[in-house]
């Protein structure tokens, strides 16, 4: 996704956001959108069953570097999302991006700048940017 695409998306959001223009509304809608992402993935696991989560302690060898340990680390996520669950999750991620763009508009921060800054930080810090 290019910078121009993000800028166009953010401009489109600024033209369409009418009801929730207050920063407080946008903050609460951002949080709600994130909750809906969590809920849609949870439903894919617990109701549909198209994917599974099998979590256990990550096998980190203290005698190896972070880079050497990486191939042994797991996502704990198994299986492909079915078409329905993927469609729902994609829509919820889209809504979340919408409200992040709205927050960017209110604070005069371009999403493309935020993505570029984060990418630069990742390139500089590499694995030391653990989150």
Protein backbone atom coordinates (compact mmCIF):
# COMPACT_ATOMS: atom_id res chain seq x y z
CA UNK A 1 0.00 0.00 0.00
CA UNK A 2 1.56 3.25 -1.10
CA UNK A 3 1.73 6.55 0.71
CA UNK A 4 -0.66 8.09 -1.80
CA UNK A 5 -3.28 5.42 -1.05
CA UNK A 6 -3.09 6.12 2.69
CA UNK A 7 -3.33 9.87 2.08
CA UNK A 8 -6.37 9.38 -0.17
CA UNK A 9 -8.02 7.16 2.44
CA UNK A 10 -7.40 9.70 5.17
CA UNK A 11 -8.82 12.51 3.02
CA UNK A 12 -11.87 10.39 2.26
CA UNK A 13 -12.42 9.79 5.99
CA UNK A 14 -12.23 13.53 6.66
CA UNK A 15 -14.99 14.11 4.11
CA UNK A 16 -17.24 11.32 5.40
CA UNK A 17 -16.96 11.63 9.17
CA UNK A 18 -19.96 13.70 10.17
CA UNK A 19 -21.60 12.32 13.32
CA UNK A 20 -18.51 11.61 15.43
CA UNK A 21 -16.29 14.65 14.88
CA UNK A 22 -15.42 15.23 18.53
CA UNK A 23 -12.05 13.83 19.57
CA UNK A 24 -13.85 12.13 22.48
CA UNK A 25 -16.26 10.43 20.06
CA UNK A 26 -13.39 9.34 17.83
CA UNK A 27 -11.40 7.97 20.78
CA UNK A 28 -14.36 5.94 21.99
CA UNK A 29 -15.16 4.71 18.47
CA UNK A 30 -11.50 3.68 18.02
CA UNK A 31 -11.69 1.66 21.22
CA UNK A 32 -15.03 0.15 20.18
CA UNK A 33 -13.61 -0.80 16.76
CA UNK A 34 -10.66 -2.55 18.42
CA UNK A 35 -13.06 -4.44 20.68
CA UNK A 36 -15.04 -5.54 17.64
CA UNK A 37 -11.86 -6.87 16.03
CA UNK A 38 -11.19 -8.89 19.17
CA UNK A 39 -14.79 -10.13 19.24
CA UNK A 40 -14.87 -11.17 15.59
CA UNK A 41 -11.66 -13.17 15.93
CA UNK A 42 -12.91 -14.71 19.18
CA UNK A 43 -16.12 -15.77 17.40
CA UNK A 44 -14.08 -17.32 14.58
CA UNK A 45 -12.37 -19.43 17.22
CA UNK A 46 -15.22 -20.23 19.61
CA UNK A 47 -18.34 -20.22 17.44
CA UNK A 48 -17.24 -21.03 13.90
CA UNK A 49 -14.16 -23.02 14.79
CA UNK A 50 -12.41 -22.33 11.50
CA UNK A 51 -9.26 -21.35 13.44
CA UNK A 52 -7.78 -22.41 16.75
CA UNK A 53 -5.55 -20.95 19.40
CA UNK A 54 -3.22 -23.32 21.19
CA UNK A 55 -1.06 -21.28 23.52
CA UNK A 56 1.91 -22.42 25.51
CA UNK A 57 5.11 -20.92 26.81
CA UNK A 58 7.37 -19.67 24.02
CA UNK A 59 10.50 -21.86 23.70
CA UNK A 60 13.23 -19.24 24.13
CA UNK A 61 16.77 -20.54 24.51
CA UNK A 62 18.69 -18.01 26.63
CA UNK A 63 21.96 -19.18 25.06
CA UNK A 64 20.79 -18.09 21.61
CA UNK A 65 20.32 -14.61 20.18
CA UNK A 66 16.85 -13.18 19.54
CA UNK A 67 17.40 -13.73 15.83
CA UNK A 68 18.33 -17.39 16.41
CA UNK A 69 15.26 -17.92 18.61
CA UNK A 70 12.84 -16.44 16.10
CA UNK A 71 12.20 -19.63 14.04
CA UNK A 72 11.06 -21.43 17.21
CA UNK A 73 8.52 -18.79 18.29
CA UNK A 74 4.89 -19.47 17.52
CA UNK A 75 1.80 -17.37 16.83
CA UNK A 76 -0.38 -19.95 18.65
CA UNK A 77 -2.85 -19.40 15.78
CA UNK A 78 -3.74 -22.36 13.56
CA UNK A 79 -5.82 -22.72 10.44
CA UNK A 80 -7.13 -20.38 7.78
CA UNK A 81 -10.13 -18.18 8.44
CA UNK A 82 -13.22 -19.30 6.55
CA UNK A 83 -14.55 -16.83 3.99
CA UNK A 84 -17.28 -15.53 6.32
CA UNK A 85 -14.96 -14.97 9.29
CA UNK A 86 -12.32 -13.40 7.06
CA UNK A 87 -14.93 -11.04 5.59
CA UNK A 88 -16.14 -10.01 9.06
CA UNK A 89 -12.62 -9.53 10.43
CA UNK A 90 -11.56 -7.56 7.36
CA UNK A 91 -14.57 -5.26 7.78
CA UNK A 92 -13.77 -4.70 11.46
CA UNK A 93 -10.12 -3.94 10.71
CA UNK A 94 -11.34 -1.49 8.07
CA UNK A 95 -13.57 0.29 10.61
CA UNK A 96 -10.64 0.49 13.00
CA UNK A 97 -8.49 2.05 10.28
CA UNK A 98 -11.31 4.51 9.56
CA UNK A 99 -11.30 5.80 13.14
CA UNK A 100 -7.49 5.85 13.30
CA UNK A 101 -7.56 8.01 10.17
CA UNK A 102 -10.18 10.24 11.81
CA UNK A 103 -7.96 10.59 14.87
CA UNK A 104 -5.08 11.48 12.57
CA UNK A 105 -7.24 14.13 10.90
CA UNK A 106 -8.19 15.69 14.23
CA UNK A 107 -4.58 15.79 15.43
CA UNK A 108 -3.13 16.75 12.05
CA UNK A 109 -1.10 13.53 11.76
CA UNK A 110 -0.96 11.79 8.41
CA UNK A 111 -1.29 8.00 8.55
CA UNK A 112 1.38 7.75 5.88
CA UNK A 113 3.79 9.69 8.13
CA UNK A 114 2.95 7.48 11.11
CA UNK A 115 3.52 4.33 9.04
CA UNK A 116 6.78 5.71 7.61
CA UNK A 117 8.05 6.75 11.07
CA UNK A 118 7.20 3.33 12.51
CA UNK A 119 8.85 1.58 9.56
CA UNK A 120 11.98 3.71 9.98
CA UNK A 121 12.05 2.85 13.68
CA UNK A 122 11.70 -0.85 12.90
CA UNK A 123 14.51 -0.63 10.37
CA UNK A 124 16.74 1.13 12.88
CA UNK A 125 15.95 -0.92 15.99
CA UNK A 126 15.21 -4.27 14.35
CA UNK A 127 14.57 -6.98 16.92
CA UNK A 128 15.33 -4.53 19.72
CA UNK A 129 11.96 -2.92 19.02
CA UNK A 130 10.24 -5.73 20.91
CA UNK A 131 6.58 -5.11 21.55
